[in-house]
Amino acid sequence: MQPPRQGDVRALEPFPLIDLTGTAEQRGRLYGRQAAERIRRSIGHYTAQLTGSGQSQAQIRAWALDFVPRIEAFDADYVVEMRGIAEGADVAFEDIVLINARTEVLQLGKRRAAAEAIAKRDPDGCTGVVVLPEASTDGSLIHAQNWDWKSECAETGVVLRIRRDDGPDILTFVEAGGLARAGLNSAGVAVTANYLESDRDYRDMGVPLSLIRRKVLEKEFVAQAFHAVYTTRKSASNNIIVSQAGGIAIDFECAPDESFQVHAERGLIVHANHWQSPVALGKLQDTGINTTPDSLYRDMRVRELLQAGGRKLGVEDVKQALFDDYQAPWSVCRPPRLNSAGNLSATVAMLVMQPAKGILEIAPLPALNRHFTRYDLFDTATARAAE
């Protein structure tokens, strides 16, 4: 799938839906076989980014393997599942770990590379939104996000529908080969995450961020999900929004060793890529604005659009706010643009979740494409165009 050019507004190929059941090893093998082509593309993107800065493949794989003991201590089944994915896709295990720890490995490359190619890259952008029941038209919670990253990742995303015997079923959007990124579960828990940076990052190594999100989605109770986010040691900062269909949502601004809470105002949580918690800002330095200056107005724009008129909000209102093109290409909905390293950066996907209904709607490259595909956790049918 070739991403369309700016101005070419048309439907794109939807992200494929992959149904998984069985043990961790069985799920991994099935996933690897069904997503093999996209997994190889994912590996190729990140390997090329790192080798382009002078890193050897051996060094890249060594960085990835450094995380395996930490992952195994966090949840040994994740390592088993990753080995299954590697076997099913016929790729190296280390490359699957790379996908699941790509934020951390890319930053290791940035910090150690003699060349500046990675240091100049754009980080994940992202703008996250939660509308609490008190602010919604039908009294149900809405949890949504624009995911800003490399535009070619529109060719590597997949949606996993995981049927589990030992916990809630899961519906998650992820880069092929990953265990989770954003999604919801059958207990009504949902999660999204945004890039954050601080002066505490990478002083020590922790659990890869993507696997903390997977842990959230495995929890039946939102208190357990909060615990996974709040207490797990991380390598770097991250903003993780956790919600539950009954009407609870907390935005956790996470430093590697400490988490800070941001709560809803007037029934809304909106977060981009800069720290908001006054407590956090009194204790650490926000080092991310250097690469995401547009964050300073993206969250304000979305909040203003959603609060205009004081009306109750529905799914379409959230979509329209996230389509905002103010200051494009430095906008909430980012069309493909060259970053300082010469890579195309874009809003890769817009995700809108209704956790009570088990529904996840996704539009690939939404600045160029306003067609959503609906994925249903509770419906055994395949994905379908959103109405």
Protein backbone atom coordinates (compact mmCIF):
# COMPACT_ATOMS: atom_id res chain seq x y z
CA MET A 1 0.00 0.00 0.00
CA GLN A 2 1.48 3.32 -1.08
CA PRO A 3 0.40 6.29 1.06
CA PRO A 4 -1.49 8.84 -1.05
CA ARG A 5 -0.12 12.26 -1.73
CA GLN A 6 -1.35 15.31 0.16
CA GLY A 7 -4.68 16.42 -1.24
CA ASP A 8 -5.52 12.93 -2.50
CA VAL A 9 -8.43 12.26 -0.14
CA ARG A 10 -9.63 8.71 -0.65
CA ALA A 11 -10.21 5.48 1.19
CA LEU A 12 -7.06 3.59 2.08
CA GLU A 13 -6.67 -0.11 2.66
CA PRO A 14 -7.89 -0.80 6.22
CA PHE A 15 -5.58 -2.28 8.81
CA PRO A 16 -6.04 -6.06 8.72
CA LEU A 17 -7.88 -7.76 11.58
CA ILE A 18 -6.14 -10.82 13.04
CA ASP A 19 -8.00 -13.16 15.40
CA LEU A 20 -5.83 -14.94 17.98
CA THR A 21 -6.63 -17.73 20.44
CA GLY A 22 -4.77 -20.37 22.43
CA THR A 23 -1.63 -20.26 24.54
CA ALA A 24 0.94 -17.49 24.28
CA GLU A 25 3.07 -19.65 21.98
CA GLN A 26 0.09 -20.62 19.81
CA ARG A 27 -1.08 -17.02 19.54
CA GLY A 28 2.40 -15.91 18.60
CA ARG A 29 2.81 -18.46 15.82
CA LEU A 30 -0.61 -17.68 14.38
CA TYR A 31 0.07 -13.94 14.54
CA GLY A 32 3.48 -14.34 12.91
CA ARG A 33 2.09 -16.40 10.03
CA GLN A 34 -0.83 -14.07 9.32
CA ALA A 35 1.12 -10.81 9.59
CA ALA A 36 4.49 -11.98 8.23
CA GLU A 37 4.74 -9.42 5.42
CA ARG A 38 3.86 -6.47 7.65
CA ILE A 39 6.17 -7.72 10.39
CA ARG A 40 9.08 -7.79 7.95
CA ARG A 41 8.23 -4.23 6.91
CA SER A 42 8.25 -3.13 10.56
CA ILE A 43 11.63 -4.73 11.11
CA GLY A 44 12.95 -3.18 7.91
CA HIS A 45 11.84 0.34 8.87
CA TYR A 46 13.54 0.36 12.25
CA THR A 47 16.62 -1.56 11.22
CA ALA A 48 17.14 0.90 8.35
CA GLN A 49 16.68 3.87 10.68
CA LEU A 50 19.32 2.55 13.07
CA THR A 51 21.82 1.26 10.51
CA GLY A 52 21.49 4.56 8.67
CA SER A 53 23.10 6.23 11.65
CA GLY A 54 26.04 3.85 11.62
CA GLN A 55 24.78 1.16 14.00
CA SER A 56 25.48 -2.45 13.06
CA GLN A 57 22.74 -5.05 12.99
CA ALA A 58 24.64 -6.92 15.69
CA GLN A 59 24.54 -3.84 17.95
CA ILE A 60 20.84 -3.29 17.28
CA ARG A 61 20.01 -6.88 18.19
CA ALA A 62 22.20 -6.68 21.29
CA TRP A 63 20.27 -3.62 22.48
CA ALA A 64 17.01 -5.49 21.91
CA LEU A 65 18.23 -8.57 23.78
CA ASP A 66 19.19 -6.41 26.77
CA PHE A 67 15.46 -6.00 27.41
CA VAL A 68 14.62 -9.71 27.44
CA PRO A 69 15.44 -10.34 31.14
CA ARG A 70 13.34 -7.33 32.14
CA ILE A 71 10.45 -8.48 29.95
CA GLU A 72 10.69 -12.02 31.29
CA ALA A 73 10.59 -10.77 34.88
CA PHE A 74 7.55 -8.62 34.04
CA ASP A 75 5.68 -11.44 32.26
CA ALA A 76 7.44 -14.54 30.93
CA ASP A 77 4.54 -15.26 28.56
CA TYR A 78 5.40 -12.11 26.61
CA VAL A 79 8.78 -13.61 25.72
CA VAL A 80 7.09 -16.90 24.78
CA GLU A 81 4.61 -15.05 22.57
CA MET A 82 7.39 -13.05 20.89
CA ARG A 83 9.32 -16.24 20.17
CA GLY A 84 6.15 -17.64 18.62
CA ILE A 85 5.72 -14.54 16.45
CA ALA A 86 9.32 -14.84 15.26
CA GLU A 87 8.83 -18.51 14.40
CA GLY A 88 5.53 -17.88 12.62
CA ALA A 89 6.93 -14.99 10.56
CA ASP A 90 10.30 -16.71 10.01
CA VAL A 91 12.29 -13.79 11.40
CA ALA A 92 14.84 -13.44 14.19
CA PHE A 93 13.52 -13.33 17.77
CA GLU A 94 15.68 -10.27 18.43
CA ASP A 95 13.85 -8.41 15.67
CA ILE A 96 10.48 -9.05 17.33
CA VAL A 97 11.89 -7.73 20.61
CA LEU A 98 13.08 -4.67 18.67
CA ILE A 99 9.51 -3.95 17.52
CA ASN A 100 8.18 -4.28 21.06
CA ALA A 101 10.96 -2.11 22.52
CA ARG A 102 11.42 0.17 19.53
CA THR A 103 10.93 3.44 21.46
CA GLU A 104 13.67 2.44 23.86
CA VAL A 105 16.05 0.99 21.25
CA LEU A 106 15.69 4.01 18.95
CA GLN A 107 16.53 6.28 21.85
CA LEU A 108 19.58 4.18 22.70
CA GLY A 109 20.63 4.65 19.10
CA LYS A 110 20.01 8.38 19.35
CA ARG A 111 22.14 8.68 22.44
CA ARG A 112 25.01 6.52 21.23
CA ALA A 113 25.13 7.25 17.50
CA ALA A 114 28.02 9.31 16.21
CA ALA A 115 25.85 10.42 13.28
CA GLU A 116 22.91 12.77 13.87
CA ALA A 117 20.27 11.07 11.74
CA ILE A 118 18.40 9.55 14.64
CA ALA A 119 18.92 12.51 16.93
CA LYS A 120 17.08 14.64 14.39
CA ARG A 121 14.13 12.29 14.00
CA ASP A 122 10.64 13.32 15.03
CA PRO A 123 9.32 11.42 18.07
CA ASP A 124 5.85 9.90 18.27
CA GLY A 125 3.51 12.85 18.44
CA CYS A 126 -0.04 11.87 19.44
CA THR A 127 -3.01 13.74 20.84
CA GLY A 128 -5.24 11.77 23.22
CA VAL A 129 -8.84 12.47 24.25
CA VAL A 130 -11.32 11.02 26.74
CA VAL A 131 -14.93 12.19 26.93
CA LEU A 132 -16.48 11.08 30.22
CA PRO A 133 -20.15 9.97 30.34
CA GLU A 134 -21.19 13.27 31.95
CA ALA A 135 -20.05 15.11 28.81
CA SER A 136 -21.28 12.68 26.13
CA THR A 137 -24.57 12.66 24.24
CA ASP A 138 -25.55 9.11 25.18
CA GLY A 139 -23.86 8.87 28.57
CA SER A 140 -21.10 6.55 27.36
CA LEU A 141 -17.36 7.11 27.56
CA ILE A 142 -15.33 7.85 24.40
CA HIS A 143 -11.56 7.34 24.28
CA ALA A 144 -9.65 8.48 21.18
CA GLN A 145 -6.22 9.33 19.81
CA ASN A 146 -4.29 10.62 16.82
CA TRP A 147 -1.07 8.62 16.49
CA ASP A 148 1.69 10.71 14.86
CA TRP A 149 4.75 8.83 13.64
CA LYS A 150 6.44 7.66 10.43
CA SER A 151 3.92 7.71 7.57
CA GLU A 152 5.13 4.34 6.25
CA CYS A 153 3.75 2.75 9.42
CA ALA A 154 0.36 2.97 7.71
CA GLU A 155 1.72 -0.08 5.85
CA THR A 156 2.62 -2.00 9.01
CA GLY A 157 -0.31 -1.54 11.39
CA VAL A 158 -2.62 -4.42 12.32
CA VAL A 159 -5.57 -4.92 14.67
CA LEU A 160 -5.44 -7.92 17.01
CA ARG A 161 -8.58 -9.48 18.46
CA ILE A 162 -7.35 -11.78 21.21
CA ARG A 163 -9.64 -14.37 22.80
CA ARG A 164 -8.24 -15.29 26.22
CA ASP A 165 -9.05 -18.04 28.70
CA ASP A 166 -7.31 -16.32 31.62
CA GLY A 167 -8.67 -12.78 31.45
CA PRO A 168 -10.62 -10.26 29.38
CA ASP A 169 -10.56 -10.49 25.60
CA ILE A 170 -8.52 -7.75 23.91
CA LEU A 171 -8.86 -5.56 20.81
CA THR A 172 -5.67 -3.63 20.08
CA PHE A 173 -4.12 -1.63 17.26
CA VAL A 174 -0.37 -2.16 16.97
CA GLU A 175 2.59 -2.14 14.63
CA ALA A 176 2.89 -5.65 13.19
CA GLY A 177 4.94 -7.82 15.51
CA GLY A 178 4.02 -5.83 18.61
CA LEU A 179 1.89 -7.15 21.46
CA ALA A 180 -0.13 -3.95 22.00
CA ARG A 181 -0.25 -0.22 21.40
CA ALA A 182 -3.72 1.23 21.98
CA GLY A 183 -6.96 -0.61 22.52
CA LEU A 184 -9.73 -1.86 24.77
CA ASN A 185 -10.81 -5.05 26.48
CA SER A 186 -14.04 -6.88 27.25
CA ALA A 187 -14.05 -5.47 30.80
CA GLY A 188 -14.38 -1.94 29.38
CA VAL A 189 -10.78 -0.91 30.07
CA ALA A 190 -9.09 1.19 27.35
CA VAL A 191 -5.62 2.65 26.93
CA THR A 192 -3.74 5.10 24.70
CA ALA A 193 -0.27 6.59 25.11
CA ASN A 194 1.58 9.74 24.04
CA TYR A 195 5.27 10.57 23.79
CA LEU A 196 6.77 12.50 26.71
CA GLU A 197 10.37 13.39 27.48
CA SER A 198 12.15 14.44 30.66
CA ASP A 199 15.63 14.84 32.09
CA ARG A 200 15.17 11.57 33.99
CA ASP A 201 14.99 9.41 30.86
CA TYR A 202 17.39 6.50 30.23
CA ARG A 203 19.30 6.73 33.48
CA ASP A 204 18.35 3.08 33.94
CA MET A 205 16.48 0.46 31.93
CA GLY A 206 12.92 -0.67 32.61
CA VAL A 207 10.02 -2.50 31.01
CA PRO A 208 9.28 -1.48 27.38
CA LEU A 209 6.34 0.91 27.26
CA SER A 210 4.32 -1.13 24.76
CA LEU A 211 4.27 -4.09 27.15
CA ILE A 212 2.94 -1.96 30.00
CA ARG A 213 0.01 -1.08 27.73
CA ARG A 214 -0.51 -4.78 26.97
CA LYS A 215 -0.59 -5.44 30.71
CA VAL A 216 -3.27 -2.76 31.12
CA LEU A 217 -5.42 -4.51 28.52
CA GLU A 218 -5.11 -7.84 30.31
CA LYS A 219 -6.71 -6.48 33.49
CA GLU A 220 -10.32 -7.08 34.47
CA PHE A 221 -10.45 -4.20 36.94
CA VAL A 222 -9.32 -0.66 36.23
CA ALA A 223 -7.58 -0.49 39.63
CA GLN A 224 -5.28 -3.28 38.43
CA ALA A 225 -4.67 -1.36 35.20
CA PHE A 226 -3.81 1.79 37.15
CA HIS A 227 -1.38 -0.24 39.27
CA ALA A 228 0.42 -1.58 36.19
CA VAL A 229 0.96 1.95 34.86
CA TYR A 230 1.72 3.65 38.16
CA THR A 231 4.22 1.20 39.63
CA THR A 232 6.10 -0.37 36.71
CA ARG A 233 9.65 0.91 36.28
CA LYS A 234 10.19 2.42 32.83
CA SER A 235 13.24 3.41 30.79
CA ALA A 236 11.72 6.68 29.68
CA SER A 237 8.83 9.04 30.18
CA ASN A 238 5.43 8.39 28.64
CA ASN A 239 1.89 9.71 28.94
CA ILE A 240 -0.57 6.84 29.43
CA ILE A 241 -4.32 7.46 29.53
CA VAL A 242 -6.38 4.65 31.08
CA SER A 243 -10.18 4.66 31.08
CA GLN A 244 -13.02 2.33 32.02
CA ALA A 245 -16.45 2.29 30.42
CA GLY A 246 -18.23 2.93 33.71
CA GLY A 247 -16.94 6.51 33.73
CA ILE A 248 -13.43 6.56 35.16
CA ALA A 249 -10.34 7.92 33.38
CA ILE A 250 -6.93 9.06 34.61
CA ASP A 251 -4.08 10.49 32.58
CA PHE A 252 -0.76 9.27 34.00
CA GLU A 253 2.26 11.41 33.17
CA CYS A 254 5.02 8.89 33.80
CA ALA A 255 8.67 9.57 34.44
CA PRO A 256 10.79 6.41 34.59
CA ASP A 257 10.63 6.31 38.39
CA GLU A 258 7.51 8.30 39.28
CA SER A 259 3.98 8.85 37.97
CA PHE A 260 1.81 11.97 38.17
CA GLN A 261 -1.95 12.21 37.68
CA VAL A 262 -3.90 14.56 35.42
CA HIS A 263 -7.67 14.44 35.89
CA ALA A 264 -10.59 15.44 33.69
CA GLU A 265 -11.83 19.03 33.52
CA ARG A 266 -15.49 19.55 32.59
CA GLY A 267 -15.69 15.89 31.64
CA LEU A 268 -12.69 15.98 29.28
CA ILE A 269 -9.11 14.76 29.26
CA VAL A 270 -6.99 16.11 26.41
CA HIS A 271 -3.24 15.55 26.27
CA ALA A 272 -0.55 16.09 23.64
CA ASN A 273 3.22 15.74 24.21
CA HIS A 274 4.19 18.16 26.97
CA TRP A 275 3.92 17.76 30.72
CA GLN A 276 0.83 19.31 32.35
CA SER A 277 0.95 18.26 36.00
CA PRO A 278 2.17 21.18 38.16
CA VAL A 279 3.65 18.65 40.56
CA ALA A 280 5.63 17.03 37.74
CA LEU A 281 6.82 20.38 36.38
CA GLY A 282 8.08 21.27 39.84
CA LYS A 283 10.20 18.13 40.00
CA LEU A 284 11.56 17.50 36.50
CA GLN A 285 12.49 19.25 33.25
CA ASP A 286 10.35 18.84 30.13
CA THR A 287 12.95 18.16 27.42
CA GLY A 288 10.50 17.17 24.67
CA ILE A 289 9.23 20.56 23.55
CA ASN A 290 12.41 20.99 21.53
CA THR A 291 11.15 18.34 19.08
CA THR A 292 7.38 18.76 19.56
CA PRO A 293 6.72 22.53 19.84
CA ASP A 294 3.31 22.05 18.22
CA SER A 295 2.26 20.12 21.32
CA LEU A 296 1.86 23.44 23.12
CA TYR A 297 -1.29 24.23 21.15
CA ARG A 298 -2.55 20.85 19.90
CA ASP A 299 -4.23 19.95 23.18
CA MET A 300 -5.66 23.49 23.51
CA ARG A 301 -7.10 23.32 20.00
CA VAL A 302 -8.84 20.00 20.63
CA ARG A 303 -10.23 21.10 23.99
CA GLU A 304 -11.53 24.39 22.56
CA LEU A 305 -13.21 22.63 19.65
CA LEU A 306 -14.87 20.10 21.92
CA GLN A 307 -16.04 22.68 24.46
CA ALA A 308 -17.36 25.19 21.91
CA GLY A 309 -21.04 25.83 22.53
CA GLY A 310 -21.12 23.83 25.75
CA ARG A 311 -22.87 20.94 24.01
CA LYS A 312 -22.78 17.25 24.82
CA LEU A 313 -20.34 15.30 22.65
CA GLY A 314 -20.62 12.27 20.41
CA VAL A 315 -18.20 10.18 18.39
CA GLU A 316 -18.48 12.49 15.38
CA ASP A 317 -17.61 15.52 17.50
CA VAL A 318 -14.43 13.81 18.69
CA LYS A 319 -13.48 12.86 15.14
CA GLN A 320 -14.01 16.40 13.88
CA ALA A 321 -11.83 17.83 16.66
CA LEU A 322 -9.05 15.37 15.86
CA PHE A 323 -9.30 16.27 12.15
CA ASP A 324 -8.27 19.84 13.06
CA ASP A 325 -5.79 21.20 10.49
CA TYR A 326 -4.87 24.49 12.17
CA GLN A 327 -1.21 25.31 11.32
CA ALA A 328 -0.89 22.28 9.03
CA PRO A 329 1.43 20.45 8.65
CA TRP A 330 2.16 21.22 12.33
CA SER A 331 -1.42 20.36 13.18
CA VAL A 332 -3.49 18.03 15.33
CA CYS A 333 -4.15 16.01 12.18
CA ARG A 334 -0.77 15.97 10.49
CA PRO A 335 -0.43 15.40 6.72
CA PRO A 336 2.77 13.68 5.60
CA ARG A 337 5.67 16.12 5.90
CA LEU A 338 9.42 15.78 5.87
CA ASN A 339 11.03 15.92 9.27
CA SER A 340 14.55 17.15 9.92
CA ALA A 341 16.01 13.72 9.17
CA GLY A 342 14.29 13.57 5.79
CA ASN A 343 11.65 11.02 6.86
CA LEU A 344 7.94 11.43 6.18
CA SER A 345 6.08 12.08 9.42
CA ALA A 346 2.28 12.05 9.64
CA THR A 347 -0.76 11.24 11.70
CA VAL A 348 -0.59 7.54 10.88
CA ALA A 349 -3.98 6.67 12.33
CA MET A 350 -6.97 8.16 14.13
CA LEU A 351 -8.47 5.76 16.68
CA VAL A 352 -11.87 6.27 18.30
CA MET A 353 -12.99 3.77 20.95
CA GLN A 354 -16.31 3.13 22.65
CA PRO A 355 -15.22 0.75 25.43
CA ALA A 356 -18.74 -0.10 26.64
CA LYS A 357 -19.60 -1.38 23.16
CA GLY A 358 -16.22 -2.96 22.43
CA ILE A 359 -15.89 -0.82 19.30
CA LEU A 360 -12.66 0.57 17.85
CA GLU A 361 -12.83 2.74 14.71
CA ILE A 362 -9.64 3.55 12.80
CA ALA A 363 -8.86 5.81 9.83
CA PRO A 364 -5.37 5.34 8.31
CA LEU A 365 -3.57 8.60 7.44
CA PRO A 366 -6.64 10.68 8.40
CA ALA A 367 -5.27 13.95 6.99
CA LEU A 368 -5.67 12.31 3.58
CA ASN A 369 -8.44 9.82 4.28
CA ARG A 370 -11.64 10.23 6.30
CA HIS A 371 -12.88 6.67 5.91
CA PHE A 372 -13.06 4.65 9.12
CA THR A 373 -13.13 0.89 9.56
CA ARG A 374 -15.03 -0.46 12.57
CA TYR A 375 -13.54 -3.32 14.57
CA ASP A 376 -15.85 -5.01 17.08
CA LEU A 377 -14.57 -7.02 20.03
CA PHE A 378 -17.95 -8.66 20.63
CA ASP A 379 -18.92 -9.36 17.01
CA THR A 380 -17.38 -12.45 15.40
CA ALA A 381 -17.71 -10.85 11.96
CA THR A 382 -14.78 -9.30 10.16
CA ALA A 383 -14.01 -5.59 10.25
CA ARG A 384 -16.44 -3.37 8.36
CA ALA A 385 -16.70 0.20 7.17
CA ALA A 386 -17.92 2.54 9.90
CA GLU A 387 -21.39 3.96 9.33
